């Protein structure tokens, strides 16, 4: 009887011990799961921190992936570098300087003024004078009537200057509007209108007059009409050499062949005025040799660069 009681007590004790171990095992498993979750959380936090470092903050706010992509796309689509203006390229025409003057931008607008006053007499009849055409060709953007010449050349380098300048008033327009002439030259004046005036020098149809106008120190003569102030002025530039040209309708020009050397090429567009109301000229150094020439692409805009020479 005694032995049975002891056996029962031993069995109860063993069961108690076994039951006590179950919670400890479950506790160990729970701690293992917690450590594993902590490791996952730590790894996720590190990844997030690393992502924030790669995404800079802008104005106190974190930049998004879309912003970074847009910035990258913007960097990849940068515009090409702006071309020089004027742009000079070498050619195989030894000693020849040619090129083109073109308009860059919206076509310039010209005011017609009071159309009722734009009238002249031709054979006793009133003739309406239309507004002057734009110097810019709408198709090619070429600028016409631009004076181009070489400054300060040695004697004998260029051909002689062209013949005596001639100016005619025809149906309320001076023709040609721009031209070159030799230094000290007299200008031959004519008119097909009944009456005309050239800066105070009156003339009637059928008559011819020789006039020596006063030029500026740069050699420029400006002829205007006192009777018809709405008329476009005419310009005559006096030079001591024949290395000059006037642009055509498409803005192209070509200077006479020059010996090897570096030359100061100038352009003077009669319709391009500075803010002071004076016409601005621009110049460019160009080098040619016996076997190489130069082509100039000269773009004009509404803005006149500061510091450019006038007249």
C-alpha atoms as a PDB file:
ATOM      1  CA  UNK A   1       0.000   0.000   0.000  1.00  0.00           C
ATOM      2  CA  UNK A   2       2.804   2.267   0.897  1.00  0.00           C
ATOM      3  CA  UNK A   3       4.644   1.555  -2.362  1.00  0.00           C
ATOM      4  CA  UNK A   4       1.565   2.350  -4.436  1.00  0.00           C
ATOM      5  CA  UNK A   5       1.189   5.754  -2.766  1.00  0.00           C
ATOM      6  CA  UNK A   6       4.802   6.574  -3.432  1.00  0.00           C
ATOM      7  CA  UNK A   7       4.451   5.602  -7.085  1.00  0.00           C
ATOM      8  CA  UNK A   8       1.378   7.799  -7.438  1.00  0.00           C
ATOM      9  CA  UNK A   9       3.184  10.758  -5.921  1.00  0.00           C
ATOM     10  CA  UNK A  10       6.116  10.237  -8.274  1.00  0.00           C
ATOM     11  CA  UNK A  11       3.781  10.171 -11.255  1.00  0.00           C
ATOM     12  CA  UNK A  12       2.063  13.369 -10.161  1.00  0.00           C
ATOM     13  CA  UNK A  13       5.430  15.076  -9.695  1.00  0.00           C
ATOM     14  CA  UNK A  14       6.605  14.022 -13.162  1.00  0.00           C
ATOM     15  CA  UNK A  15       3.439  15.334 -14.752  1.00  0.00           C
ATOM     16  CA  UNK A  16       3.830  18.626 -12.914  1.00  0.00           C
ATOM     17  CA  UNK A  17       7.364  19.014 -14.122  1.00  0.00           C
ATOM     18  CA  UNK A  18       6.373  18.246 -17.722  1.00  0.00           C
ATOM     19  CA  UNK A  19       3.529  20.715 -17.694  1.00  0.00           C
ATOM     20  CA  UNK A  20       5.791  23.389 -16.274  1.00  0.00           C
ATOM     21  CA  UNK A  21       8.183  23.087 -19.262  1.00  0.00           C
ATOM     22  CA  UNK A  22       5.530  23.819 -21.936  1.00  0.00           C
ATOM     23  CA  UNK A  23       5.205  27.510 -21.192  1.00  0.00           C
ATOM     24  CA  UNK A  24       8.993  27.923 -21.257  1.00  0.00           C
ATOM     25  CA  UNK A  25       9.233  26.376 -24.703  1.00  0.00           C
ATOM     26  CA  UNK A  26       6.438  28.555 -26.046  1.00  0.00           C
ATOM     27  CA  UNK A  27       8.132  31.548 -24.497  1.00  0.00           C
ATOM     28  CA  UNK A  28      11.376  30.699 -26.272  1.00  0.00           C
ATOM     29  CA  UNK A  29       9.560  30.369 -29.601  1.00  0.00           C
ATOM     30  CA  UNK A  30       7.853  33.767 -29.101  1.00  0.00           C
ATOM     31  CA  UNK A  31      11.162  35.428 -28.336  1.00  0.00           C
ATOM     32  CA  UNK A  32      12.660  33.917 -31.495  1.00  0.00           C
ATOM     33  CA  UNK A  33       9.789  35.228 -33.607  1.00  0.00           C
ATOM     34  CA  UNK A  34      10.166  38.707 -32.032  1.00  0.00           C
ATOM     35  CA  UNK A  35      13.903  38.803 -32.752  1.00  0.00           C
ATOM     36  CA  UNK A  36      13.249  37.773 -36.347  1.00  0.00           C
ATOM     37  CA  UNK A  37      10.627  40.559 -36.759  1.00  0.00           C
ATOM     38  CA  UNK A  38      13.007  43.079 -35.182  1.00  0.00           C
ATOM     39  CA  UNK A  39      15.658  42.114 -37.737  1.00  0.00           C
ATOM     40  CA  UNK A  40      13.146  42.645 -40.563  1.00  0.00           C
ATOM     41  CA  UNK A  41      12.126  46.052 -39.199  1.00  0.00           C
ATOM     42  CA  UNK A  42      15.769  47.110 -38.818  1.00  0.00           C
ATOM     43  CA  UNK A  43      16.559  46.075 -42.408  1.00  0.00           C
ATOM     44  CA  UNK A  44      13.516  47.947 -43.762  1.00  0.00           C
ATOM     45  CA  UNK A  45      14.507  51.085 -41.836  1.00  0.00           C
ATOM     46  CA  UNK A  46      18.043  50.952 -43.249  1.00  0.00           C
ATOM     47  CA  UNK A  47      16.678  50.594 -46.792  1.00  0.00           C
ATOM     48  CA  UNK A  48      14.346  53.540 -46.234  1.00  0.00           C
ATOM     49  CA  UNK A  49      17.157  55.701 -44.859  1.00  0.00           C
ATOM     50  CA  UNK A  50      19.329  54.808 -47.829  1.00  0.00           C
ATOM     51  CA  UNK A  51      16.495  55.769 -50.187  1.00  0.00           C
ATOM     52  CA  UNK A  52      16.092  59.127 -48.481  1.00  0.00           C
ATOM     53  CA  UNK A  53      19.778  59.853 -48.973  1.00  0.00           C
ATOM     54  CA  UNK A  54      19.417  59.283 -52.723  1.00  0.00           C
ATOM     55  CA  UNK A  55      16.340  61.534 -52.851  1.00  0.00           C
ATOM     56  CA  UNK A  56      17.379  65.109 -51.965  1.00  0.00           C
ATOM     57  CA  UNK A  57      15.034  67.404 -50.160  1.00  0.00           C
ATOM     58  CA  UNK A  58      13.669  70.448 -52.034  1.00  0.00           C
ATOM     59  CA  UNK A  59      12.236  73.437 -50.183  1.00  0.00           C
ATOM     60  CA  UNK A  60      12.055  71.379 -46.981  1.00  0.00           C
ATOM     61  CA  UNK A  61      10.177  68.524 -48.682  1.00  0.00           C
ATOM     62  CA  UNK A  62      11.546  65.218 -49.816  1.00  0.00           C
ATOM     63  CA  UNK A  63      11.831  64.880 -53.571  1.00  0.00           C
ATOM     64  CA  UNK A  64       9.896  62.040 -55.161  1.00  0.00           C
ATOM     65  CA  UNK A  65      11.059  59.518 -57.695  1.00  0.00           C
ATOM     66  CA  UNK A  66       9.096  61.381 -60.398  1.00  0.00           C
ATOM     67  CA  UNK A  67      11.015  64.606 -59.658  1.00  0.00           C
ATOM     68  CA  UNK A  68      14.332  62.799 -59.943  1.00  0.00           C
ATOM     69  CA  UNK A  69      13.297  61.243 -63.254  1.00  0.00           C
ATOM     70  CA  UNK A  70      12.148  64.624 -64.599  1.00  0.00           C
ATOM     71  CA  UNK A  71      15.465  66.165 -63.582  1.00  0.00           C
ATOM     72  CA  UNK A  72      17.373  63.366 -65.313  1.00  0.00           C
ATOM     73  CA  UNK A  73      15.276  63.739 -68.472  1.00  0.00           C
ATOM     74  CA  UNK A  74      15.901  67.500 -68.440  1.00  0.00           C
ATOM     75  CA  UNK A  75      19.652  66.959 -68.207  1.00  0.00           C
ATOM     76  CA  UNK A  76      19.554  64.483 -71.094  1.00  0.00           C
ATOM     77  CA  UNK A  77      17.542  66.882 -73.313  1.00  0.00           C
ATOM     78  CA  UNK A  78      19.719  69.968 -72.931  1.00  0.00           C
ATOM     79  CA  UNK A  79      19.685  72.274 -75.953  1.00  0.00           C
ATOM     80  CA  UNK A  80      22.801  72.309 -78.142  1.00  0.00           C
ATOM     81  CA  UNK A  81      25.232  75.203 -77.603  1.00  0.00           C
ATOM     82  CA  UNK A  82      24.201  78.446 -79.294  1.00  0.00           C
ATOM     83  CA  UNK A  83      25.999  79.228 -82.540  1.00  0.00           C
ATOM     84  CA  UNK A  84      28.268  82.213 -82.874  1.00  0.00           C
ATOM     85  CA  UNK A  85      26.751  85.282 -84.482  1.00  0.00           C
ATOM     86  CA  UNK A  86      28.081  86.133 -86.931  1.00  0.00           C
ATOM     87  CA  UNK A  87      29.254  82.622 -87.804  1.00  0.00           C
ATOM     88  CA  UNK A  88      32.296  82.320 -90.092  1.00  0.00           C
ATOM     89  CA  UNK A  89      33.193  79.145 -91.986  1.00  0.00           C
ATOM     90  CA  UNK A  90      36.146  78.512 -94.289  1.00  0.00           C
ATOM     91  CA  UNK A  91      35.649  77.988 -98.046  1.00  0.00           C
ATOM     92  CA  UNK A  92      37.888  76.921-100.919  1.00  0.00           C
ATOM     93  CA  UNK A  93      37.519  80.280-102.706  1.00  0.00           C
ATOM     94  CA  UNK A  94      40.905  81.778-101.993  1.00  0.00           C
ATOM     95  CA  UNK A  95      40.721  85.413-100.858  1.00  0.00           C
ATOM     96  CA  UNK A  96      36.939  85.714-101.354  1.00  0.00           C
ATOM     97  CA  UNK A  97      34.634  86.867 -98.539  1.00  0.00           C
ATOM     98  CA  UNK A  98      30.983  86.175 -99.174  1.00  0.00           C
ATOM     99  CA  UNK A  99      27.973  85.530 -97.010  1.00  0.00           C
ATOM    100  CA  UNK A 100      24.405  86.305 -96.148  1.00  0.00           C
ATOM    101  CA  UNK A 101      22.634  88.759 -93.854  1.00  0.00           C
ATOM    102  CA  UNK A 102      19.363  87.328 -92.557  1.00  0.00           C
ATOM    103  CA  UNK A 103      16.658  88.247 -90.099  1.00  0.00           C
ATOM    104  CA  UNK A 104      16.319  86.134 -86.939  1.00  0.00           C
ATOM    105  CA  UNK A 105      12.904  86.412 -85.331  1.00  0.00           C
ATOM    106  CA  UNK A 106       9.405  87.648 -86.190  1.00  0.00           C
ATOM    107  CA  UNK A 107       9.219  89.820 -89.297  1.00  0.00           C
ATOM    108  CA  UNK A 108       9.636  93.523 -88.417  1.00  0.00           C
ATOM    109  CA  UNK A 109       6.598  95.728 -88.836  1.00  0.00           C
ATOM    110  CA  UNK A 110       6.794  99.079 -90.592  1.00  0.00           C
ATOM    111  CA  UNK A 111       4.394 101.959 -90.065  1.00  0.00           C
ATOM    112  CA  UNK A 112       2.833 103.337 -93.226  1.00  0.00           C
ATOM    113  CA  UNK A 113       2.101 106.754 -91.743  1.00  0.00           C
ATOM    114  CA  UNK A 114      -0.562 109.068 -93.144  1.00  0.00           C
ATOM    115  CA  UNK A 115      -1.523 107.532 -96.504  1.00  0.00           C
ATOM    116  CA  UNK A 116      -3.415 110.652 -97.591  1.00  0.00           C
ATOM    117  CA  UNK A 117      -0.136 112.609 -97.651  1.00  0.00           C
ATOM    118  CA  UNK A 118       1.718 109.979 -99.682  1.00  0.00           C
ATOM    119  CA  UNK A 119       1.027 111.613-103.046  1.00  0.00           C
ATOM    120  CA  UNK A 120       3.291 113.045-105.784  1.00  0.00           C
ATOM    121  CA  UNK A 121       2.605 114.703-109.141  1.00  0.00           C
ATOM    122  CA  UNK A 122       3.485 112.782-112.313  1.00  0.00           C
ATOM    123  CA  UNK A 123       2.531 114.447-115.622  1.00  0.00           C
ATOM    124  CA  UNK A 124       0.177 116.686-113.704  1.00  0.00           C
ATOM    125  CA  UNK A 125      -1.683 113.790-112.096  1.00  0.00           C
ATOM    126  CA  UNK A 126      -1.751 112.808-108.431  1.00  0.00           C
ATOM    127  CA  UNK A 127      -0.099 109.456-107.902  1.00  0.00           C
ATOM    128  CA  UNK A 128      -0.463 107.616-104.601  1.00  0.00           C
ATOM    129  CA  UNK A 129       2.765 106.250-103.203  1.00  0.00           C
ATOM    130  CA  UNK A 130       2.392 102.854-101.476  1.00  0.00           C
ATOM    131  CA  UNK A 131       4.103 102.193 -98.138  1.00  0.00           C
ATOM    132  CA  UNK A 132       7.718 101.050 -98.488  1.00  0.00           C
ATOM    133  CA  UNK A 133       8.226  97.286 -98.632  1.00  0.00           C
ATOM    134  CA  UNK A 134       9.898  95.438 -95.791  1.00  0.00           C
ATOM    135  CA  UNK A 135      13.656  94.931 -96.220  1.00  0.00           C
ATOM    136  CA  UNK A 136      13.192  91.341 -95.013  1.00  0.00           C
ATOM    137  CA  UNK A 137      12.132  88.735 -97.559  1.00  0.00           C
ATOM    138  CA  UNK A 138       9.313  86.712 -95.922  1.00  0.00           C
ATOM    139  CA  UNK A 139      10.402  83.460 -97.594  1.00  0.00           C
ATOM    140  CA  UNK A 140      14.188  83.486 -97.182  1.00  0.00           C
ATOM    141  CA  UNK A 141      14.405  85.942 -94.239  1.00  0.00           C
ATOM    142  CA  UNK A 142      17.201  87.620 -96.186  1.00  0.00           C
ATOM    143  CA  UNK A 143      17.763  91.339 -95.497  1.00  0.00           C
ATOM    144  CA  UNK A 144      18.177  93.489 -98.604  1.00  0.00           C
ATOM    145  CA  UNK A 145      20.007  96.814 -99.051  1.00  0.00           C
ATOM    146  CA  UNK A 146      22.604  96.121 -96.369  1.00  0.00           C
ATOM    147  CA  UNK A 147      25.939  97.835 -97.037  1.00  0.00           C
ATOM    148  CA  UNK A 148      28.974  95.576 -96.634  1.00  0.00           C
ATOM    149  CA  UNK A 149      32.549  96.814 -96.962  1.00  0.00           C
ATOM    150  CA  UNK A 150      36.127  96.389 -95.784  1.00  0.00           C
ATOM    151  CA  UNK A 151      37.677  99.055 -93.570  1.00  0.00           C
ATOM    152  CA  UNK A 152      41.233 100.367 -93.548  1.00  0.00           C
ATOM    153  CA  UNK A 153      42.865  98.581 -96.479  1.00  0.00           C
ATOM    154  CA  UNK A 154      46.239  99.458 -97.977  1.00  0.00           C
ATOM    155  CA  UNK A 155      46.383 101.298-101.265  1.00  0.00           C
ATOM    156  CA  UNK A 156      46.229  98.972-104.253  1.00  0.00           C
ATOM    157  CA  UNK A 157      44.656  96.080-102.308  1.00  0.00           C
ATOM    158  CA  UNK A 158      41.128  96.735-103.624  1.00  0.00           C
ATOM    159  CA  UNK A 159      39.870  97.697-107.090  1.00  0.00           C
ATOM    160  CA  UNK A 160      38.948 101.350-107.775  1.00  0.00           C
ATOM    161  CA  UNK A 161      35.670 102.736-106.511  1.00  0.00           C
ATOM    162  CA  UNK A 162      32.664 102.509-108.793  1.00  0.00           C
ATOM    163  CA  UNK A 163      31.591 105.426-110.976  1.00  0.00           C
ATOM    164  CA  UNK A 164      29.913 108.624-109.812  1.00  0.00           C
ATOM    165  CA  UNK A 165      26.836 108.036-107.632  1.00  0.00           C
ATOM    166  CA  UNK A 166      23.464 108.806-109.210  1.00  0.00           C
ATOM    167  CA  UNK A 167      20.160 109.337-107.450  1.00  0.00           C
ATOM    168  CA  UNK A 168      16.691 109.549-109.030  1.00  0.00           C
ATOM    169  CA  UNK A 169      13.320 110.363-107.490  1.00  0.00           C
ATOM    170  CA  UNK A 170      10.692 108.225-109.224  1.00  0.00           C
ATOM    171  CA  UNK A 171       7.052 108.085-108.117  1.00  0.00           C
ATOM    172  CA  UNK A 172       7.911 109.273-104.644  1.00  0.00           C
ATOM    173  CA  UNK A 173      10.832 106.895-104.088  1.00  0.00           C
ATOM    174  CA  UNK A 174      14.603 107.541-104.138  1.00  0.00           C
ATOM    175  CA  UNK A 175      16.358 105.009-106.352  1.00  0.00           C
ATOM    176  CA  UNK A 176      18.691 103.369-105.517  1.00  0.00           C
ATOM    177  CA  UNK A 177      18.094 103.565-101.836  1.00  0.00           C
ATOM    178  CA  UNK A 178      21.692 102.666-100.882  1.00  0.00           C
ATOM    179  CA  UNK A 179      24.911 102.932-102.899  1.00  0.00           C
ATOM    180  CA  UNK A 180      28.662 103.543-102.656  1.00  0.00           C
ATOM    181  CA  UNK A 181      30.689 106.310-104.213  1.00  0.00           C
ATOM    182  CA  UNK A 182      34.257 107.665-104.268  1.00  0.00           C
ATOM    183  CA  UNK A 183      35.429 110.145-101.664  1.00  0.00           C
ATOM    184  CA  UNK A 184      34.639 113.758-102.543  1.00  0.00           C
ATOM    185  CA  UNK A 185      32.256 112.757-105.341  1.00  0.00           C
ATOM    186  CA  UNK A 186      29.364 114.832-106.595  1.00  0.00           C
ATOM    187  CA  UNK A 187      25.985 113.135-106.819  1.00  0.00           C
ATOM    188  CA  UNK A 188      24.054 113.304-110.073  1.00  0.00           C
ATOM    189  CA  UNK A 189      20.361 114.058-109.383  1.00  0.00           C
ATOM    190  CA  UNK A 190      17.393 113.322-111.644  1.00  0.00           C
ATOM    191  CA  UNK A 191      13.606 112.914-111.324  1.00  0.00           C
ATOM    192  CA  UNK A 192      10.763 111.351-113.287  1.00  0.00           C
ATOM    193  CA  UNK A 193       8.205 113.106-111.062  1.00  0.00           C
ATOM    194  CA  UNK A 194       7.084 116.642-111.943  1.00  0.00           C
ATOM    195  CA  UNK A 195       9.039 118.023-109.011  1.00  0.00           C
ATOM    196  CA  UNK A 196      11.531 116.623-106.549  1.00  0.00           C
ATOM    197  CA  UNK A 197      13.845 117.756-103.783  1.00  0.00           C
ATOM    198  CA  UNK A 198      17.015 116.179-102.455  1.00  0.00           C
ATOM    199  CA  UNK A 199      17.866 117.551 -99.022  1.00  0.00           C
ATOM    200  CA  UNK A 200      16.946 121.060-100.034  1.00  0.00           C
ATOM    201  CA  UNK A 201      18.068 120.839-103.682  1.00  0.00           C
ATOM    202  CA  UNK A 202      14.951 121.245-105.850  1.00  0.00           C
ATOM    203  CA  UNK A 203      14.647 119.740-109.310  1.00  0.00           C
ATOM    204  CA  UNK A 204      12.009 119.458-112.042  1.00  0.00           C
ATOM    205  CA  UNK A 205      11.481 116.637-114.502  1.00  0.00           C
ATOM    206  CA  UNK A 206      13.883 116.627-117.431  1.00  0.00           C
ATOM    207  CA  UNK A 207      16.635 118.479-115.591  1.00  0.00           C
ATOM    208  CA  UNK A 208      19.907 117.112-114.169  1.00  0.00           C
ATOM    209  CA  UNK A 209      21.875 118.544-111.269  1.00  0.00           C
ATOM    210  CA  UNK A 210      25.336 117.782-109.840  1.00  0.00           C
ATOM    211  CA  UNK A 211      25.540 118.273-106.092  1.00  0.00           C
ATOM    212  CA  UNK A 212      28.330 117.735-103.599  1.00  0.00           C
ATOM    213  CA  UNK A 213      26.639 116.790-100.337  1.00  0.00           C
ATOM    214  CA  UNK A 214      28.274 117.067 -96.937  1.00  0.00           C
ATOM    215  CA  UNK A 215      29.096 113.655 -95.523  1.00  0.00           C
ATOM    216  CA  UNK A 216      29.664 112.552 -91.942  1.00  0.00           C
ATOM    217  CA  UNK A 217      33.189 111.805 -90.748  1.00  0.00           C
ATOM    218  CA  UNK A 218      32.460 108.134 -91.526  1.00  0.00           C
ATOM    219  CA  UNK A 219      31.694 109.115 -95.128  1.00  0.00           C
ATOM    220  CA  UNK A 220      27.909 108.720 -95.028  1.00  0.00           C
ATOM    221  CA  UNK A 221      25.513 110.965 -96.962  1.00  0.00           C
ATOM    222  CA  UNK A 222      21.832 110.891 -96.005  1.00  0.00           C
ATOM    223  CA  UNK A 223      19.390 112.365 -98.529  1.00  0.00           C
ATOM    224  CA  UNK A 224      15.876 113.256 -97.382  1.00  0.00           C
ATOM    225  CA  UNK A 225      12.941 115.167 -98.874  1.00  0.00           C
ATOM    226  CA  UNK A 226      11.817 118.424 -97.301  1.00  0.00           C
ATOM    227  CA  UNK A 227       8.611 118.594 -99.375  1.00  0.00           C
ATOM    228  CA  UNK A 228       7.715 114.962 -98.693  1.00  0.00           C
ATOM    229  CA  UNK A 229       9.033 114.033 -95.211  1.00  0.00           C
ATOM    230  CA  UNK A 230       7.266 110.639 -95.448  1.00  0.00           C
ATOM    231  CA  UNK A 231       9.696 109.508 -98.176  1.00  0.00           C
ATOM    232  CA  UNK A 232      12.303 106.888 -97.273  1.00  0.00           C
ATOM    233  CA  UNK A 233      15.813 108.417 -97.050  1.00  0.00           C
ATOM    234  CA  UNK A 234      18.556 107.464 -99.493  1.00  0.00           C
ATOM    235  CA  UNK A 235      22.081 106.656 -98.309  1.00  0.00           C
ATOM    236  CA  UNK A 236      25.414 107.058-100.084  1.00  0.00           C
ATOM    237  CA  UNK A 237      28.638 105.876 -98.469  1.00  0.00           C
ATOM    238  CA  UNK A 238      31.873 107.352 -99.781  1.00  0.00           C
ATOM    239  CA  UNK A 239      34.970 105.116 -99.769  1.00  0.00           C
ATOM    240  CA  UNK A 240      38.515 105.304-101.108  1.00  0.00           C
ATOM    241  CA  UNK A 241      38.402 101.728-102.445  1.00  0.00           C
ATOM    242  CA  UNK A 242      36.060  99.330-104.211  1.00  0.00           C
ATOM    243  CA  UNK A 243      35.947  96.453-101.700  1.00  0.00           C
ATOM    244  CA  UNK A 244      32.250  96.754-100.971  1.00  0.00           C
ATOM    245  CA  UNK A 245      28.891  95.118-101.755  1.00  0.00           C
ATOM    246  CA  UNK A 246      25.164  95.521-101.177  1.00  0.00           C
ATOM    247  CA  UNK A 247      22.981  92.566-100.198  1.00  0.00           C
ATOM    248  CA  UNK A 248      20.350  91.295-102.630  1.00  0.00           C
ATOM    249  CA  UNK A 249      16.780  90.224-101.912  1.00  0.00           C
ATOM    250  CA  UNK A 250      17.947  86.985-100.251  1.00  0.00           C
ATOM    251  CA  UNK A 251      20.524  88.855 -98.147  1.00  0.00           C
ATOM    252  CA  UNK A 252      23.554  87.448 -99.983  1.00  0.00           C
ATOM    253  CA  UNK A 253      26.726  89.395-100.828  1.00  0.00           C
ATOM    254  CA  UNK A 254      30.230  88.828-102.168  1.00  0.00           C
ATOM    255  CA  UNK A 255      33.268  91.103-101.844  1.00  0.00           C
ATOM    256  CA  UNK A 256      36.001  91.328-104.490  1.00  0.00           C
ATOM    257  CA  UNK A 257      38.917  88.935-104.104  1.00  0.00           C
ATOM    258  CA  UNK A 258      41.439  90.049-101.481  1.00  0.00           C
ATOM    259  CA  UNK A 259      45.113  89.230-100.853  1.00  0.00           C
ATOM    260  CA  UNK A 260      45.914  86.939 -97.927  1.00  0.00           C
ATOM    261  CA  UNK A 261      45.442  88.668 -94.589  1.00  0.00           C
ATOM    262  CA  UNK A 262      42.999  89.652 -91.857  1.00  0.00           C
ATOM    263  CA  UNK A 263      40.339  92.245 -92.679  1.00  0.00           C
ATOM    264  CA  UNK A 264      37.768  94.253 -90.757  1.00  0.00           C
ATOM    265  CA  UNK A 265      34.423  93.587 -92.475  1.00  0.00           C
ATOM    266  CA  UNK A 266      31.549  95.955 -91.662  1.00  0.00           C
ATOM    267  CA  UNK A 267      27.814  95.768 -92.301  1.00  0.00           C
ATOM    268  CA  UNK A 268      25.339  98.629 -92.132  1.00  0.00           C
ATOM    269  CA  UNK A 269      21.606  97.817 -92.428  1.00  0.00           C
ATOM    270  CA  UNK A 270      19.705 101.005 -93.183  1.00  0.00           C
ATOM    271  CA  UNK A 271      16.543  99.811 -91.415  1.00  0.00           C
ATOM    272  CA  UNK A 272      18.119  98.695 -88.147  1.00  0.00           C
ATOM    273  CA  UNK A 273      18.157 101.517 -85.624  1.00  0.00           C
ATOM    274  CA  UNK A 274      19.442 101.693 -82.078  1.00  0.00           C
ATOM    275  CA  UNK A 275      17.443 103.053 -79.157  1.00  0.00           C
ATOM    276  CA  UNK A 276      19.043 106.444 -79.731  1.00  0.00           C
ATOM    277  CA  UNK A 277      17.490 106.593 -83.208  1.00  0.00           C
ATOM    278  CA  UNK A 278      20.814 106.196 -84.991  1.00  0.00           C
ATOM    279  CA  UNK A 279      21.614 103.366 -87.365  1.00  0.00           C
ATOM    280  CA  UNK A 280      24.104 100.894 -85.934  1.00  0.00           C
ATOM    281  CA  UNK A 281      26.886  99.221 -87.885  1.00  0.00           C
ATOM    282  CA  UNK A 282      28.697  96.057 -86.876  1.00  0.00           C
ATOM    283  CA  UNK A 283      32.143  94.760 -87.736  1.00  0.00           C
ATOM    284  CA  UNK A 284      33.951  91.425 -87.772  1.00  0.00           C
ATOM    285  CA  UNK A 285      37.552  90.307 -88.209  1.00  0.00           C
ATOM    286  CA  UNK A 286      37.887  87.824 -91.080  1.00  0.00           C
ATOM    287  CA  UNK A 287      41.057  86.033 -92.253  1.00  0.00           C
ATOM    288  CA  UNK A 288      41.593  84.725 -95.801  1.00  0.00           C
ATOM    289  CA  UNK A 289      44.554  83.139 -97.594  1.00  0.00           C
ATOM    290  CA  UNK A 290      45.547  82.314-101.154  1.00  0.00           C
ATOM    291  CA  UNK A 291      43.670  79.011-101.045  1.00  0.00           C
ATOM    292  CA  UNK A 292      40.982  79.732 -98.427  1.00  0.00           C
ATOM    293  CA  UNK A 293      38.096  82.175 -98.323  1.00  0.00           C
ATOM    294  CA  UNK A 294      35.348  82.838 -95.781  1.00  0.00           C
ATOM    295  CA  UNK A 295      31.576  82.597 -95.639  1.00  0.00           C
ATOM    296  CA  UNK A 296      29.713  84.750 -93.113  1.00  0.00           C
ATOM    297  CA  UNK A 297      26.250  83.987 -91.754  1.00  0.00           C
ATOM    298  CA  UNK A 298      25.128  87.238 -90.119  1.00  0.00           C
ATOM    299  CA  UNK A 299      21.821  87.194 -88.198  1.00  0.00           C
ATOM    300  CA  UNK A 300      20.074  90.443 -87.265  1.00  0.00           C
ATOM    301  CA  UNK A 301      17.432  90.856 -84.569  1.00  0.00           C
ATOM    302  CA  UNK A 302      15.382  93.648 -83.041  1.00  0.00           C
ATOM    303  CA  UNK A 303      18.104  94.228 -80.466  1.00  0.00           C
ATOM    304  CA  UNK A 304      21.195  96.266 -81.264  1.00  0.00           C
ATOM    305  CA  UNK A 305      24.237  95.098 -79.234  1.00  0.00           C
ATOM    306  CA  UNK A 306      25.639  97.702 -76.883  1.00  0.00           C
ATOM    307  CA  UNK A 307      28.801  99.476 -77.922  1.00  0.00           C
ATOM    308  CA  UNK A 308      28.287  99.115 -81.673  1.00  0.00           C
ATOM    309  CA  UNK A 309      29.425 101.969 -83.881  1.00  0.00           C
ATOM    310  CA  UNK A 310      26.885 104.383 -85.324  1.00  0.00           C
ATOM    311  CA  UNK A 311      26.764 105.719 -88.874  1.00  0.00           C
END
